[in-house]
N, C-alpha and C. Protein backbone atom coordinates (compact mmCIF):
# COMPACT_ATOMS: atom_id res chain seq x y z
N MET A 1 -3.33 -26.36 2.37
CA MET A 1 -4.22 -25.26 2.66
C MET A 1 -5.49 -25.82 3.31
N LYS A 2 -6.18 -25.04 4.03
CA LYS A 2 -7.38 -25.48 4.72
C LYS A 2 -8.46 -25.84 3.75
N ARG A 3 -9.34 -26.75 4.17
CA ARG A 3 -10.52 -27.06 3.37
C ARG A 3 -11.51 -25.92 3.55
N THR A 4 -12.01 -25.39 2.48
CA THR A 4 -12.91 -24.23 2.58
C THR A 4 -14.30 -24.63 2.17
N GLY A 5 -15.22 -24.48 3.06
CA GLY A 5 -16.66 -24.70 2.77
C GLY A 5 -16.94 -26.06 2.19
N SER A 6 -17.65 -26.07 1.08
CA SER A 6 -18.06 -27.34 0.45
C SER A 6 -16.95 -27.95 -0.38
N ASP A 7 -15.93 -27.17 -0.67
CA ASP A 7 -14.79 -27.68 -1.47
C ASP A 7 -13.90 -28.56 -0.59
N ASP A 8 -14.03 -29.90 -0.78
CA ASP A 8 -13.26 -30.82 0.07
C ASP A 8 -11.93 -31.23 -0.57
N THR A 9 -11.54 -30.62 -1.65
CA THR A 9 -10.27 -30.98 -2.28
C THR A 9 -9.13 -30.37 -1.52
N LEU A 10 -8.07 -31.13 -1.36
CA LEU A 10 -6.88 -30.61 -0.66
C LEU A 10 -6.01 -29.92 -1.67
N ARG A 11 -5.28 -28.93 -1.21
CA ARG A 11 -4.42 -28.12 -2.08
C ARG A 11 -3.03 -28.01 -1.49
N CYS A 12 -2.04 -27.85 -2.39
CA CYS A 12 -0.66 -27.61 -1.97
C CYS A 12 -0.60 -26.28 -1.27
N SER A 13 0.07 -26.21 -0.16
CA SER A 13 0.18 -24.98 0.61
C SER A 13 1.12 -23.97 -0.08
N PHE A 14 1.88 -24.41 -1.08
CA PHE A 14 2.85 -23.54 -1.75
C PHE A 14 2.31 -23.00 -3.08
N CYS A 15 1.87 -23.93 -3.96
CA CYS A 15 1.42 -23.49 -5.30
C CYS A 15 -0.07 -23.47 -5.42
N HIS A 16 -0.79 -23.99 -4.41
CA HIS A 16 -2.25 -24.02 -4.36
C HIS A 16 -2.90 -24.84 -5.44
N LYS A 17 -2.16 -25.78 -6.03
CA LYS A 17 -2.77 -26.71 -7.00
C LYS A 17 -3.55 -27.75 -6.20
N SER A 18 -4.64 -28.21 -6.78
CA SER A 18 -5.46 -29.22 -6.08
C SER A 18 -4.81 -30.59 -6.21
N GLN A 19 -5.25 -31.48 -5.34
CA GLN A 19 -4.71 -32.85 -5.35
C GLN A 19 -5.02 -33.58 -6.64
N ASP A 20 -6.05 -33.15 -7.38
CA ASP A 20 -6.40 -33.79 -8.63
C ASP A 20 -5.40 -33.45 -9.74
N VAL A 21 -4.76 -32.29 -9.62
CA VAL A 21 -3.86 -31.82 -10.67
C VAL A 21 -2.44 -32.36 -10.49
N VAL A 22 -2.01 -32.54 -9.29
CA VAL A 22 -0.62 -32.96 -9.01
C VAL A 22 -0.54 -34.48 -8.89
N GLY A 23 0.68 -35.02 -9.00
CA GLY A 23 0.86 -36.46 -8.90
C GLY A 23 0.71 -36.96 -7.47
N LYS A 24 1.32 -36.24 -6.53
CA LYS A 24 1.27 -36.69 -5.13
C LYS A 24 1.20 -35.47 -4.22
N LEU A 25 0.42 -35.55 -3.19
CA LEU A 25 0.28 -34.48 -2.22
C LEU A 25 0.68 -35.02 -0.85
N ILE A 26 1.66 -34.48 -0.22
CA ILE A 26 2.20 -34.96 1.05
C ILE A 26 1.72 -34.02 2.15
N SER A 27 1.29 -34.61 3.23
CA SER A 27 0.76 -33.87 4.36
C SER A 27 1.81 -33.67 5.42
N SER A 28 1.67 -32.61 6.20
CA SER A 28 2.58 -32.40 7.33
C SER A 28 2.24 -33.39 8.42
N PRO A 29 3.22 -33.72 9.29
CA PRO A 29 2.99 -34.72 10.31
C PRO A 29 2.04 -34.27 11.43
N SER A 30 1.96 -32.98 11.62
CA SER A 30 1.14 -32.49 12.76
C SER A 30 -0.28 -32.15 12.26
N GLU A 31 -1.23 -32.20 13.19
CA GLU A 31 -2.60 -31.87 12.86
C GLU A 31 -2.79 -30.35 12.70
N TYR A 32 -2.11 -29.59 13.57
CA TYR A 32 -2.31 -28.16 13.52
C TYR A 32 -0.98 -27.45 13.45
N PRO A 33 -0.70 -26.61 12.60
CA PRO A 33 -1.49 -26.32 11.40
C PRO A 33 -1.18 -27.38 10.32
N ARG A 34 -2.17 -27.88 9.70
CA ARG A 34 -2.04 -28.89 8.66
C ARG A 34 -1.55 -28.19 7.39
N ALA A 35 -0.48 -28.72 6.78
CA ALA A 35 0.08 -28.16 5.56
C ALA A 35 0.31 -29.28 4.56
N TYR A 36 0.24 -28.96 3.30
CA TYR A 36 0.44 -29.93 2.24
C TYR A 36 1.47 -29.40 1.24
N ILE A 37 2.24 -30.33 0.66
CA ILE A 37 3.19 -29.95 -0.40
C ILE A 37 3.07 -30.99 -1.49
N CYS A 38 3.07 -30.53 -2.73
CA CYS A 38 2.95 -31.44 -3.88
C CYS A 38 4.34 -31.86 -4.36
N ASP A 39 4.32 -32.92 -5.19
CA ASP A 39 5.59 -33.45 -5.70
C ASP A 39 6.30 -32.43 -6.59
N GLU A 40 5.57 -31.57 -7.26
CA GLU A 40 6.19 -30.56 -8.12
C GLU A 40 6.95 -29.52 -7.28
N CYS A 41 6.33 -29.12 -6.19
CA CYS A 41 7.01 -28.14 -5.31
C CYS A 41 8.21 -28.77 -4.63
N ILE A 42 8.15 -30.06 -4.32
CA ILE A 42 9.30 -30.77 -3.75
C ILE A 42 10.44 -30.80 -4.73
N ALA A 43 10.12 -31.02 -6.04
CA ALA A 43 11.13 -31.01 -7.08
C ALA A 43 11.80 -29.63 -7.20
N VAL A 44 10.99 -28.57 -7.10
CA VAL A 44 11.55 -27.22 -7.17
C VAL A 44 12.46 -26.97 -5.97
N CYS A 45 12.02 -27.39 -4.77
CA CYS A 45 12.82 -27.20 -3.55
C CYS A 45 14.14 -27.97 -3.67
N ASN A 46 14.09 -29.20 -4.19
CA ASN A 46 15.30 -29.98 -4.34
C ASN A 46 16.28 -29.31 -5.32
N SER A 47 15.76 -28.71 -6.40
CA SER A 47 16.64 -28.07 -7.36
C SER A 47 17.27 -26.81 -6.73
N ILE A 48 16.49 -26.11 -5.88
CA ILE A 48 17.06 -24.94 -5.18
C ILE A 48 18.17 -25.36 -4.22
N LEU A 49 17.94 -26.45 -3.51
CA LEU A 49 18.95 -26.94 -2.55
C LEU A 49 20.18 -27.45 -3.32
N ASP A 50 20.00 -28.08 -4.48
CA ASP A 50 21.13 -28.56 -5.27
C ASP A 50 21.96 -27.37 -5.81
N ASP A 51 21.26 -26.26 -6.17
CA ASP A 51 21.98 -25.10 -6.65
C ASP A 51 22.79 -24.42 -5.57
N ASP A 52 22.35 -24.54 -4.31
CA ASP A 52 23.05 -23.92 -3.19
C ASP A 52 24.26 -24.73 -2.73
N LYS A 53 24.35 -26.00 -3.16
CA LYS A 53 25.50 -26.81 -2.74
C LYS A 53 26.75 -26.30 -3.41
N PRO A 54 27.88 -26.29 -2.68
CA PRO A 54 29.12 -25.83 -3.33
C PRO A 54 29.54 -26.82 -4.41
N GLU A 55 30.10 -26.30 -5.48
CA GLU A 55 30.57 -27.12 -6.55
C GLU A 55 31.75 -27.96 -6.08
N PRO A 56 31.77 -29.23 -6.40
CA PRO A 56 32.95 -30.02 -6.01
C PRO A 56 34.16 -29.55 -6.80
N SER A 57 35.28 -29.45 -6.09
CA SER A 57 36.48 -28.96 -6.73
C SER A 57 36.96 -29.99 -7.76
N THR A 58 37.59 -29.50 -8.81
CA THR A 58 38.07 -30.38 -9.88
C THR A 58 39.27 -31.17 -9.41
N THR A 59 40.03 -30.65 -8.48
CA THR A 59 41.19 -31.36 -7.97
C THR A 59 40.79 -32.16 -6.74
N SER A 60 41.42 -33.26 -6.56
CA SER A 60 41.12 -34.09 -5.41
C SER A 60 41.63 -33.40 -4.16
N PRO A 61 40.83 -33.41 -3.06
CA PRO A 61 41.29 -32.72 -1.83
C PRO A 61 42.49 -33.39 -1.22
N ASN A 62 42.73 -34.69 -1.52
CA ASN A 62 43.88 -35.40 -0.95
C ASN A 62 45.11 -35.26 -1.80
N LYS A 63 45.00 -34.70 -3.00
CA LYS A 63 46.15 -34.57 -3.87
C LYS A 63 46.91 -33.32 -3.53
N ILE A 64 48.14 -33.51 -3.17
CA ILE A 64 48.99 -32.38 -2.85
C ILE A 64 49.81 -32.07 -4.11
N PRO A 65 49.77 -30.82 -4.60
CA PRO A 65 50.54 -30.51 -5.80
C PRO A 65 52.04 -30.67 -5.56
N ARG A 66 52.70 -31.23 -6.48
CA ARG A 66 54.16 -31.43 -6.40
C ARG A 66 54.87 -30.08 -6.49
N PRO A 67 56.14 -30.03 -6.01
CA PRO A 67 56.87 -28.77 -6.06
C PRO A 67 56.98 -28.21 -7.49
N LEU A 68 57.12 -29.09 -8.48
CA LEU A 68 57.20 -28.62 -9.84
C LEU A 68 55.90 -27.96 -10.30
N GLU A 69 54.76 -28.50 -9.89
CA GLU A 69 53.47 -27.88 -10.22
C GLU A 69 53.31 -26.53 -9.52
N ILE A 70 53.76 -26.46 -8.29
CA ILE A 70 53.70 -25.19 -7.54
C ILE A 70 54.59 -24.15 -8.22
N LYS A 71 55.79 -24.59 -8.62
CA LYS A 71 56.69 -23.64 -9.30
C LYS A 71 56.08 -23.20 -10.62
N ASP A 72 55.46 -24.11 -11.38
CA ASP A 72 54.80 -23.71 -12.62
C ASP A 72 53.73 -22.67 -12.36
N PHE A 73 53.00 -22.82 -11.28
CA PHE A 73 51.96 -21.85 -10.92
C PHE A 73 52.63 -20.48 -10.61
N LEU A 74 53.74 -20.51 -9.87
CA LEU A 74 54.43 -19.27 -9.52
C LEU A 74 54.98 -18.61 -10.78
N ASP A 75 55.41 -19.44 -11.75
CA ASP A 75 55.95 -18.87 -13.00
C ASP A 75 54.93 -17.99 -13.72
N GLN A 76 53.68 -18.25 -13.49
CA GLN A 76 52.63 -17.43 -14.15
C GLN A 76 52.56 -16.02 -13.57
N TYR A 77 53.05 -15.84 -12.34
CA TYR A 77 52.89 -14.57 -11.68
C TYR A 77 54.23 -13.88 -11.35
N VAL A 78 55.30 -14.64 -11.28
CA VAL A 78 56.60 -14.07 -10.90
C VAL A 78 57.58 -14.23 -12.04
N ILE A 79 58.21 -13.13 -12.41
CA ILE A 79 59.19 -13.15 -13.51
C ILE A 79 60.56 -13.32 -12.87
N GLY A 80 61.35 -14.27 -13.43
CA GLY A 80 62.69 -14.47 -12.91
C GLY A 80 62.63 -15.14 -11.53
N GLN A 81 63.65 -14.86 -10.72
CA GLN A 81 63.70 -15.35 -9.34
C GLN A 81 63.53 -16.87 -9.28
N GLU A 82 64.26 -17.61 -10.13
CA GLU A 82 64.10 -19.05 -10.21
C GLU A 82 64.44 -19.78 -8.92
N ALA A 83 65.53 -19.46 -8.30
CA ALA A 83 65.95 -20.13 -7.06
C ALA A 83 64.92 -19.89 -5.95
N PRO A 84 64.49 -18.67 -5.71
CA PRO A 84 63.48 -18.49 -4.64
C PRO A 84 62.16 -19.20 -4.94
N LYS A 85 61.76 -19.25 -6.19
CA LYS A 85 60.54 -19.95 -6.55
C LYS A 85 60.63 -21.45 -6.28
N ARG A 86 61.80 -22.02 -6.56
CA ARG A 86 62.01 -23.46 -6.27
C ARG A 86 61.97 -23.68 -4.76
N LYS A 87 62.65 -22.86 -4.00
CA LYS A 87 62.67 -23.01 -2.53
C LYS A 87 61.28 -22.84 -1.93
N LEU A 88 60.56 -21.85 -2.43
CA LEU A 88 59.20 -21.60 -1.94
C LEU A 88 58.29 -22.77 -2.29
N ALA A 89 58.41 -23.33 -3.49
CA ALA A 89 57.59 -24.46 -3.90
C ALA A 89 57.84 -25.67 -3.02
N VAL A 90 59.09 -25.92 -2.69
CA VAL A 90 59.40 -27.08 -1.82
C VAL A 90 58.87 -26.84 -0.41
N ALA A 91 59.01 -25.61 0.08
CA ALA A 91 58.54 -25.29 1.45
C ALA A 91 57.00 -25.43 1.51
N VAL A 92 56.28 -24.97 0.49
CA VAL A 92 54.82 -25.08 0.48
C VAL A 92 54.41 -26.56 0.38
N TYR A 93 55.13 -27.32 -0.43
CA TYR A 93 54.83 -28.77 -0.59
C TYR A 93 55.05 -29.47 0.75
N ASN A 94 56.16 -29.23 1.41
CA ASN A 94 56.43 -29.89 2.70
C ASN A 94 55.40 -29.52 3.76
N HIS A 95 55.02 -28.27 3.81
CA HIS A 95 53.99 -27.82 4.77
C HIS A 95 52.68 -28.49 4.48
N SER A 96 52.25 -28.56 3.22
CA SER A 96 51.00 -29.19 2.82
C SER A 96 51.02 -30.68 3.16
N LYS A 97 52.17 -31.31 2.93
CA LYS A 97 52.31 -32.73 3.24
C LYS A 97 52.16 -32.98 4.73
N ARG A 98 52.76 -32.12 5.57
CA ARG A 98 52.63 -32.24 7.02
C ARG A 98 51.18 -32.11 7.45
N ILE A 99 50.47 -31.15 6.90
CA ILE A 99 49.06 -30.96 7.24
C ILE A 99 48.24 -32.17 6.81
N HIS A 100 48.50 -32.67 5.63
CA HIS A 100 47.78 -33.83 5.11
C HIS A 100 48.03 -35.06 5.98
N MET A 101 49.26 -35.31 6.33
CA MET A 101 49.59 -36.47 7.18
C MET A 101 48.96 -36.32 8.57
N ASN A 102 48.93 -35.10 9.09
CA ASN A 102 48.33 -34.85 10.39
C ASN A 102 46.81 -35.18 10.34
N ARG A 103 46.13 -34.84 9.24
CA ARG A 103 44.73 -35.12 9.11
C ARG A 103 44.51 -36.63 8.95
N MET A 104 45.41 -37.32 8.23
CA MET A 104 45.26 -38.76 8.01
C MET A 104 45.35 -39.52 9.33
N ARG A 105 46.16 -39.05 10.24
CA ARG A 105 46.32 -39.71 11.55
C ARG A 105 45.21 -39.32 12.52
N ASN A 106 44.36 -38.38 12.15
CA ASN A 106 43.34 -37.89 13.04
C ASN A 106 43.94 -37.37 14.34
N SER A 107 45.06 -36.72 14.19
CA SER A 107 45.79 -36.25 15.33
C SER A 107 45.14 -35.02 15.93
N GLU A 108 45.25 -34.91 17.24
CA GLU A 108 44.74 -33.75 17.95
C GLU A 108 45.71 -32.57 17.87
N ILE A 109 46.91 -32.82 17.35
CA ILE A 109 47.90 -31.76 17.27
C ILE A 109 47.55 -30.83 16.15
N GLU A 110 47.57 -29.53 16.47
CA GLU A 110 47.25 -28.55 15.47
C GLU A 110 48.54 -27.88 14.99
N LEU A 111 48.73 -27.91 13.69
CA LEU A 111 49.94 -27.30 13.14
C LEU A 111 49.70 -25.80 12.97
N ALA A 112 50.62 -25.04 13.48
CA ALA A 112 50.51 -23.56 13.33
C ALA A 112 51.02 -23.16 11.95
N LYS A 113 50.48 -22.07 11.48
CA LYS A 113 50.94 -21.52 10.23
C LYS A 113 52.37 -21.04 10.40
N SER A 114 53.16 -21.17 9.36
CA SER A 114 54.53 -20.68 9.46
C SER A 114 54.77 -19.70 8.30
N ASN A 115 55.66 -18.81 8.56
CA ASN A 115 56.03 -17.81 7.58
C ASN A 115 57.34 -18.22 6.92
N ILE A 116 57.48 -17.83 5.65
CA ILE A 116 58.71 -18.09 4.94
C ILE A 116 59.32 -16.73 4.65
N LEU A 117 60.56 -16.56 5.09
CA LEU A 117 61.27 -15.32 4.86
C LEU A 117 62.34 -15.52 3.80
N LEU A 118 62.19 -14.84 2.70
CA LEU A 118 63.17 -14.90 1.63
C LEU A 118 64.03 -13.67 1.70
N ILE A 119 65.32 -13.88 1.91
CA ILE A 119 66.23 -12.75 2.03
C ILE A 119 67.22 -12.79 0.87
N GLY A 120 67.43 -11.66 0.27
CA GLY A 120 68.37 -11.57 -0.83
C GLY A 120 68.08 -10.36 -1.69
N PRO A 121 68.88 -10.22 -2.74
CA PRO A 121 68.68 -9.06 -3.61
C PRO A 121 67.35 -9.14 -4.35
N THR A 122 66.77 -8.00 -4.57
CA THR A 122 65.51 -7.98 -5.31
C THR A 122 65.83 -7.70 -6.79
N ALA A 123 64.87 -7.93 -7.62
CA ALA A 123 65.04 -7.73 -9.05
C ALA A 123 64.61 -6.32 -9.45
N ARG A 124 64.30 -5.48 -8.48
CA ARG A 124 63.81 -4.14 -8.76
C ARG A 124 65.00 -3.18 -9.01
N ALA A 125 64.90 -2.47 -10.09
CA ALA A 125 65.93 -1.47 -10.41
C ALA A 125 65.55 -0.18 -9.73
N ARG A 126 66.49 0.43 -9.03
CA ARG A 126 66.19 1.66 -8.30
C ARG A 126 66.85 2.81 -9.03
N PRO A 127 66.17 3.92 -9.14
CA PRO A 127 66.77 5.08 -9.80
C PRO A 127 67.79 5.79 -8.99
């Protein structure tokens, strides 16, 4: 904040605490407009920035789930249909492995998304 009149103490431009009250007061690099920030406000800003960072995922980004793990996940949502779940799990695993290997090689080739079509009888009873 600007020096006002006879008061020559510098103040934080954010919290307006004087330089005598805070541990450290840092000045802006430019002369005009001159701004100051104290170490306490810097700590608050750092905590705000840390809160905005995305949480690191618990699983490793390079770990591709095995077909059995994918099937176990599908078992939570799909009743029966064991053969299609196994085939879908293997297809998802192979696709993920191709994408991972492509990234490891830093290849310029972009893999297109592919659809999986499961054809067969459904488990739905019709009236």
